[in-house]
Every structure is written in structure tokens, then in C-alpha cells.
N, C-alpha and C. Protein backbone atom coordinates (compact mmCIF):
# COMPACT_ATOMS: atom_id res chain seq x y z
N MET A 1 8.81 -14.16 11.27
CA MET A 1 7.76 -13.33 10.73
C MET A 1 8.21 -11.87 10.74
N THR A 2 7.85 -11.18 9.69
CA THR A 2 8.20 -9.77 9.56
C THR A 2 6.92 -8.95 9.46
N ARG A 3 6.87 -7.88 10.23
CA ARG A 3 5.71 -6.99 10.15
C ARG A 3 5.94 -5.94 9.07
N LEU A 4 4.94 -5.77 8.21
CA LEU A 4 4.98 -4.76 7.16
C LEU A 4 3.86 -3.77 7.38
N ARG A 5 4.08 -2.55 6.90
CA ARG A 5 3.07 -1.50 6.99
C ARG A 5 2.82 -0.96 5.59
N LEU A 6 1.56 -0.99 5.17
CA LEU A 6 1.14 -0.43 3.90
C LEU A 6 0.30 0.80 4.18
N ILE A 7 0.72 1.93 3.63
CA ILE A 7 -0.03 3.18 3.75
C ILE A 7 -0.50 3.57 2.36
N VAL A 8 -1.78 3.85 2.23
CA VAL A 8 -2.37 4.22 0.94
C VAL A 8 -3.10 5.55 1.10
N ILE A 9 -2.80 6.49 0.21
CA ILE A 9 -3.51 7.77 0.17
C ILE A 9 -4.41 7.76 -1.06
N THR A 10 -5.69 8.02 -0.85
CA THR A 10 -6.66 8.00 -1.94
C THR A 10 -6.98 9.41 -2.41
N ARG A 11 -7.61 9.50 -3.56
CA ARG A 11 -8.17 10.77 -4.08
C ARG A 11 -9.54 10.46 -4.65
N ASN A 12 -10.35 11.50 -4.79
CA ASN A 12 -11.69 11.40 -5.38
C ASN A 12 -12.60 10.45 -4.59
N GLN A 13 -12.47 10.50 -3.30
CA GLN A 13 -13.35 9.72 -2.43
C GLN A 13 -13.95 10.68 -1.41
N LYS A 14 -15.24 10.89 -1.53
CA LYS A 14 -15.92 11.88 -0.68
C LYS A 14 -16.33 11.33 0.69
N ASN A 15 -16.45 10.01 0.79
CA ASN A 15 -16.89 9.47 2.09
C ASN A 15 -16.06 8.26 2.49
N LYS A 16 -16.10 7.98 3.78
CA LYS A 16 -15.28 6.92 4.36
C LYS A 16 -15.71 5.53 3.88
N ASP A 17 -16.98 5.37 3.51
CA ASP A 17 -17.45 4.07 3.03
C ASP A 17 -16.69 3.62 1.78
N LYS A 18 -16.40 4.56 0.90
CA LYS A 18 -15.64 4.21 -0.32
C LYS A 18 -14.22 3.79 0.04
N ALA A 19 -13.62 4.50 0.98
CA ALA A 19 -12.27 4.13 1.43
C ALA A 19 -12.30 2.75 2.11
N GLN A 20 -13.35 2.48 2.85
CA GLN A 20 -13.49 1.17 3.50
C GLN A 20 -13.58 0.05 2.47
N LYS A 21 -14.35 0.28 1.41
CA LYS A 21 -14.47 -0.73 0.35
C LYS A 21 -13.14 -0.95 -0.34
N LEU A 22 -12.39 0.14 -0.58
CA LEU A 22 -11.07 0.00 -1.18
C LEU A 22 -10.14 -0.78 -0.25
N SER A 23 -10.19 -0.49 1.03
CA SER A 23 -9.38 -1.20 2.00
C SER A 23 -9.68 -2.70 1.98
N GLU A 24 -10.96 -3.04 1.95
CA GLU A 24 -11.35 -4.45 1.89
C GLU A 24 -10.86 -5.12 0.61
N LEU A 25 -10.90 -4.39 -0.50
CA LEU A 25 -10.41 -4.93 -1.76
C LEU A 25 -8.90 -5.16 -1.72
N ILE A 26 -8.16 -4.23 -1.11
CA ILE A 26 -6.72 -4.39 -0.96
C ILE A 26 -6.41 -5.62 -0.11
N LEU A 27 -7.09 -5.74 1.02
CA LEU A 27 -6.87 -6.89 1.90
C LEU A 27 -7.16 -8.20 1.16
N SER A 28 -8.23 -8.22 0.40
CA SER A 28 -8.60 -9.41 -0.36
C SER A 28 -7.57 -9.71 -1.45
N THR A 29 -7.15 -8.68 -2.17
CA THR A 29 -6.18 -8.86 -3.26
C THR A 29 -4.86 -9.40 -2.74
N LEU A 30 -4.45 -8.94 -1.57
CA LEU A 30 -3.18 -9.36 -0.99
C LEU A 30 -3.32 -10.60 -0.11
N SER A 31 -4.53 -11.12 0.02
CA SER A 31 -4.81 -12.28 0.87
C SER A 31 -4.32 -12.04 2.30
N ILE A 32 -4.65 -10.88 2.82
CA ILE A 32 -4.24 -10.48 4.16
C ILE A 32 -5.44 -10.54 5.09
N ASP A 33 -5.23 -11.17 6.22
CA ASP A 33 -6.25 -11.21 7.26
C ASP A 33 -5.82 -10.22 8.33
N SER A 34 -6.19 -8.98 8.14
CA SER A 34 -5.76 -7.92 9.05
C SER A 34 -6.83 -6.84 9.08
N LEU A 35 -6.72 -5.95 10.02
CA LEU A 35 -7.61 -4.80 10.09
C LEU A 35 -6.91 -3.59 9.49
N SER A 36 -7.69 -2.67 9.01
CA SER A 36 -7.10 -1.44 8.49
C SER A 36 -7.61 -0.26 9.30
N GLN A 37 -6.81 0.77 9.32
CA GLN A 37 -7.20 2.03 9.96
C GLN A 37 -7.43 3.03 8.84
N ILE A 38 -8.57 3.71 8.88
CA ILE A 38 -8.91 4.67 7.83
C ILE A 38 -9.15 6.02 8.48
N ASP A 39 -8.41 7.03 8.01
CA ASP A 39 -8.53 8.38 8.54
C ASP A 39 -8.67 9.36 7.38
N LYS A 40 -9.33 10.46 7.64
CA LYS A 40 -9.39 11.53 6.66
C LYS A 40 -7.97 12.04 6.44
N TYR A 41 -7.60 12.26 5.17
CA TYR A 41 -6.26 12.78 4.87
C TYR A 41 -6.38 14.29 4.67
N PRO A 42 -5.75 15.08 5.52
CA PRO A 42 -6.01 16.53 5.54
C PRO A 42 -5.48 17.32 4.33
N LYS A 43 -4.56 16.75 3.58
CA LYS A 43 -3.96 17.52 2.48
C LYS A 43 -4.95 17.78 1.34
N PHE A 44 -5.89 16.86 1.14
CA PHE A 44 -6.88 17.00 0.07
C PHE A 44 -8.28 16.80 0.66
N ASP A 45 -9.26 17.53 0.14
CA ASP A 45 -10.64 17.42 0.63
C ASP A 45 -11.26 16.06 0.36
N ASP A 46 -10.82 15.42 -0.70
CA ASP A 46 -11.46 14.17 -1.14
C ASP A 46 -10.56 12.96 -0.94
N SER A 47 -9.80 12.96 0.16
CA SER A 47 -8.79 11.92 0.37
C SER A 47 -8.91 11.24 1.72
N PHE A 48 -8.46 9.99 1.73
CA PHE A 48 -8.37 9.22 2.96
C PHE A 48 -7.01 8.53 3.03
N LYS A 49 -6.59 8.25 4.25
CA LYS A 49 -5.36 7.51 4.49
C LYS A 49 -5.75 6.14 5.05
N ILE A 50 -5.33 5.10 4.34
CA ILE A 50 -5.58 3.73 4.77
C ILE A 50 -4.26 3.15 5.26
N THR A 51 -4.24 2.63 6.47
CA THR A 51 -3.04 2.01 7.02
C THR A 51 -3.35 0.56 7.35
N ILE A 52 -2.51 -0.32 6.83
CA ILE A 52 -2.67 -1.76 7.06
C ILE A 52 -1.34 -2.29 7.58
N VAL A 53 -1.35 -2.93 8.73
CA VAL A 53 -0.16 -3.57 9.29
C VAL A 53 -0.42 -5.07 9.26
N PHE A 54 0.53 -5.81 8.70
CA PHE A 54 0.34 -7.25 8.56
C PHE A 54 1.70 -7.94 8.64
N THR A 55 1.68 -9.24 8.81
CA THR A 55 2.92 -10.01 8.88
C THR A 55 3.07 -10.86 7.63
N CYS A 56 4.31 -11.08 7.28
CA CYS A 56 4.61 -12.01 6.20
C CYS A 56 5.76 -12.89 6.66
N ASN A 57 5.85 -14.04 6.06
CA ASN A 57 6.90 -14.99 6.39
C ASN A 57 7.83 -15.08 5.19
N PRO A 58 8.91 -14.28 5.19
CA PRO A 58 9.79 -14.28 4.03
C PRO A 58 10.38 -15.66 3.78
N THR A 59 10.17 -16.16 2.58
CA THR A 59 10.66 -17.49 2.25
C THR A 59 12.16 -17.46 1.94
N ASN A 60 12.62 -16.42 1.26
CA ASN A 60 14.06 -16.31 1.07
C ASN A 60 14.53 -14.85 1.00
N ASN A 61 13.88 -14.02 0.22
CA ASN A 61 14.34 -12.66 0.02
C ASN A 61 13.20 -11.69 0.34
N LEU A 62 13.30 -11.00 1.46
CA LEU A 62 12.24 -10.10 1.90
C LEU A 62 11.99 -8.98 0.90
N ILE A 63 13.04 -8.40 0.34
CA ILE A 63 12.86 -7.31 -0.63
C ILE A 63 12.08 -7.79 -1.84
N HIS A 64 12.43 -8.94 -2.35
CA HIS A 64 11.71 -9.50 -3.49
C HIS A 64 10.25 -9.76 -3.12
N GLN A 65 10.01 -10.28 -1.95
CA GLN A 65 8.65 -10.55 -1.51
C GLN A 65 7.84 -9.26 -1.38
N MET A 66 8.45 -8.20 -0.87
CA MET A 66 7.76 -6.92 -0.76
C MET A 66 7.39 -6.38 -2.14
N ILE A 67 8.29 -6.51 -3.10
CA ILE A 67 8.00 -6.07 -4.47
C ILE A 67 6.84 -6.87 -5.04
N GLU A 68 6.83 -8.17 -4.79
CA GLU A 68 5.73 -9.02 -5.26
C GLU A 68 4.40 -8.58 -4.65
N ILE A 69 4.41 -8.26 -3.36
CA ILE A 69 3.19 -7.81 -2.69
C ILE A 69 2.70 -6.50 -3.31
N ALA A 70 3.59 -5.54 -3.44
CA ALA A 70 3.21 -4.22 -3.98
C ALA A 70 2.72 -4.31 -5.41
N ASP A 71 3.34 -5.17 -6.20
CA ASP A 71 2.99 -5.28 -7.61
C ASP A 71 1.61 -5.91 -7.81
N LYS A 72 1.07 -6.56 -6.80
CA LYS A 72 -0.30 -7.09 -6.92
C LYS A 72 -1.34 -5.97 -6.98
N LEU A 73 -0.93 -4.76 -6.56
CA LEU A 73 -1.84 -3.63 -6.54
C LEU A 73 -1.61 -2.70 -7.72
N LEU A 74 -0.40 -2.18 -7.81
CA LEU A 74 -0.07 -1.14 -8.77
C LEU A 74 1.39 -1.24 -9.17
N SER A 75 1.74 -0.52 -10.20
CA SER A 75 3.12 -0.45 -10.63
C SER A 75 3.29 0.84 -11.43
N PRO A 76 4.45 1.45 -11.42
CA PRO A 76 5.73 1.07 -10.81
C PRO A 76 5.90 1.61 -9.39
N TRP A 77 6.81 1.01 -8.67
CA TRP A 77 7.17 1.42 -7.32
C TRP A 77 8.65 1.81 -7.31
N ILE A 78 8.98 2.84 -6.55
CA ILE A 78 10.37 3.25 -6.35
C ILE A 78 10.87 2.52 -5.12
N THR A 79 12.07 1.97 -5.19
CA THR A 79 12.64 1.21 -4.08
C THR A 79 13.75 2.01 -3.41
N PHE A 80 13.66 2.14 -2.10
CA PHE A 80 14.71 2.75 -1.30
C PHE A 80 15.27 1.68 -0.37
N TYR A 81 16.57 1.47 -0.43
CA TYR A 81 17.20 0.44 0.38
C TYR A 81 18.36 1.05 1.17
N ASP A 82 18.40 0.77 2.46
CA ASP A 82 19.50 1.22 3.32
C ASP A 82 20.23 -0.02 3.82
N ARG A 83 21.40 -0.25 3.29
CA ARG A 83 22.17 -1.44 3.63
C ARG A 83 22.59 -1.47 5.09
N THR A 84 22.88 -0.29 5.66
CA THR A 84 23.37 -0.26 7.04
C THR A 84 22.29 -0.69 8.03
N THR A 85 21.05 -0.38 7.74
CA THR A 85 19.96 -0.77 8.64
C THR A 85 19.15 -1.93 8.09
N ASN A 86 19.49 -2.36 6.88
CA ASN A 86 18.78 -3.43 6.18
C ASN A 86 17.27 -3.13 6.09
N SER A 87 16.97 -1.86 5.82
CA SER A 87 15.57 -1.47 5.68
C SER A 87 15.26 -1.16 4.22
N VAL A 88 14.01 -1.37 3.87
CA VAL A 88 13.57 -1.11 2.50
C VAL A 88 12.20 -0.44 2.55
N ASN A 89 12.03 0.55 1.70
CA ASN A 89 10.74 1.22 1.53
C ASN A 89 10.41 1.20 0.05
N LEU A 90 9.16 0.89 -0.25
CA LEU A 90 8.67 0.98 -1.62
C LEU A 90 7.67 2.13 -1.66
N ILE A 91 7.83 3.02 -2.63
CA ILE A 91 6.96 4.19 -2.76
C ILE A 91 6.30 4.17 -4.13
N TYR A 92 4.98 4.41 -4.13
CA TYR A 92 4.22 4.51 -5.37
C TYR A 92 3.66 5.93 -5.48
N ASN A 93 3.81 6.53 -6.66
CA ASN A 93 3.20 7.81 -6.98
C ASN A 93 2.42 7.64 -8.27
N LYS A 94 1.17 8.01 -8.27
CA LYS A 94 0.35 7.87 -9.47
C LYS A 94 0.89 8.76 -10.59
N THR A 95 1.01 8.18 -11.78
CA THR A 95 1.47 8.92 -12.96
C THR A 95 0.65 8.48 -14.17
N ASP A 96 0.95 9.08 -15.30
CA ASP A 96 0.31 8.67 -16.56
C ASP A 96 0.70 7.26 -16.95
N PHE A 97 1.80 6.76 -16.40
CA PHE A 97 2.31 5.45 -16.77
C PHE A 97 1.92 4.35 -15.76
N THR A 98 1.07 4.71 -14.81
CA THR A 98 0.64 3.75 -13.79
C THR A 98 -0.02 2.54 -14.42
N GLN A 99 0.33 1.38 -13.89
CA GLN A 99 -0.34 0.14 -14.27
C GLN A 99 -1.15 -0.31 -13.06
N LYS A 100 -2.47 -0.29 -13.23
CA LYS A 100 -3.37 -0.71 -12.15
C LYS A 100 -3.72 -2.17 -12.36
N ARG A 101 -3.64 -2.96 -11.32
CA ARG A 101 -4.00 -4.38 -11.43
C ARG A 101 -5.52 -4.56 -11.40
N ARG A 102 -6.22 -3.55 -10.87
CA ARG A 102 -7.70 -3.51 -10.88
C ARG A 102 -8.12 -2.07 -11.11
N ASN A 103 -9.20 -1.86 -11.81
CA ASN A 103 -9.68 -0.50 -12.07
C ASN A 103 -9.99 0.26 -10.79
N GLU A 104 -10.42 -0.44 -9.77
CA GLU A 104 -10.76 0.20 -8.50
C GLU A 104 -9.55 0.86 -7.84
N PHE A 105 -8.35 0.46 -8.21
CA PHE A 105 -7.14 1.04 -7.62
C PHE A 105 -6.78 2.39 -8.25
N ASP A 106 -7.58 2.86 -9.20
CA ASP A 106 -7.32 4.15 -9.84
C ASP A 106 -7.38 5.30 -8.84
N VAL A 107 -8.07 5.15 -7.73
CA VAL A 107 -8.19 6.21 -6.73
C VAL A 107 -6.96 6.31 -5.83
N VAL A 108 -6.02 5.40 -5.96
CA VAL A 108 -4.80 5.45 -5.15
C VAL A 108 -3.86 6.49 -5.75
N GLU A 109 -3.56 7.50 -4.96
CA GLU A 109 -2.70 8.60 -5.39
C GLU A 109 -1.24 8.35 -5.01
N TRP A 110 -1.05 7.76 -3.83
CA TRP A 110 0.29 7.54 -3.28
C TRP A 110 0.21 6.35 -2.35
N ALA A 111 1.31 5.61 -2.25
CA ALA A 111 1.35 4.49 -1.31
C ALA A 111 2.79 4.21 -0.88
N GLU A 112 2.92 3.59 0.28
CA GLU A 112 4.23 3.19 0.79
C GLU A 112 4.10 1.82 1.44
N LEU A 113 5.02 0.95 1.13
CA LEU A 113 5.13 -0.36 1.79
C LEU A 113 6.50 -0.41 2.43
N LYS A 114 6.53 -0.66 3.74
CA LYS A 114 7.81 -0.68 4.44
C LYS A 114 7.78 -1.68 5.58
N ILE A 115 8.95 -2.00 6.06
CA ILE A 115 9.07 -2.85 7.25
C ILE A 115 8.62 -2.04 8.44
N ASP A 116 7.71 -2.59 9.22
CA ASP A 116 7.17 -1.90 10.38
C ASP A 116 8.10 -2.10 11.57
N GLU A 117 8.53 -1.03 12.15
CA GLU A 117 9.47 -1.12 13.27
C GLU A 117 8.85 -0.69 14.56
């Protein structure tokens, strides 16, 4: 089993209840049975930081599985791979070319999926 950490930064959310609903939707979309931590994100007045730590059982290729997980939410993601440490980070930045898998994900400004160490 591998532990992964998903961090999501939202925009245009004035209260924590909206961030909580988004967190629940993310957990449901990814079929994850986990808890999330939601904190006010200080960089923007209307933002929250959602952190979800969960485990996955890589069937053959962890990097491919991480891309599959991330793509269930949004696209495109930038991939950073370090061969020496065998670590991978996927980074999402909202752009005009963003593909949202659900309209509710439009509030996601930035996200990162990485191996939790």
C-alpha cells in the first residue's frame, strides 16, 4: 500500500461549508474512504486548503495510477518525476484550457497529488 496526499486550493468560497462539500465530492469521485482537513488558505480571502491523505494499492505502475486518480478531477496536470528518489508529484494550475470532470470543480485553483512520506 502506498500513501498519497492530495492538496487542493480553492477560490471563490467564502465559508468552510462550501469547502467541506467540495471535499466530500472529491472523496466520492475518487471513491476514497478518508477524512479531509480543511483550513483557511491565507493567500486569498476567499480560499481554503483541503488536504486528503489516503492509501492506494498500485496494481502495476504507481505513476500511471496517480495520473488516473488526478484525471478523475481535472486536467491537465504537470508531472514531476525524480528517478533517484523514485518520487512523483502531479501539479494542477487552473487555466483557460482546464478540463473539469464536474462543474463543481471549477473552484479548484491549484492542486498537488504526491506520494506521502
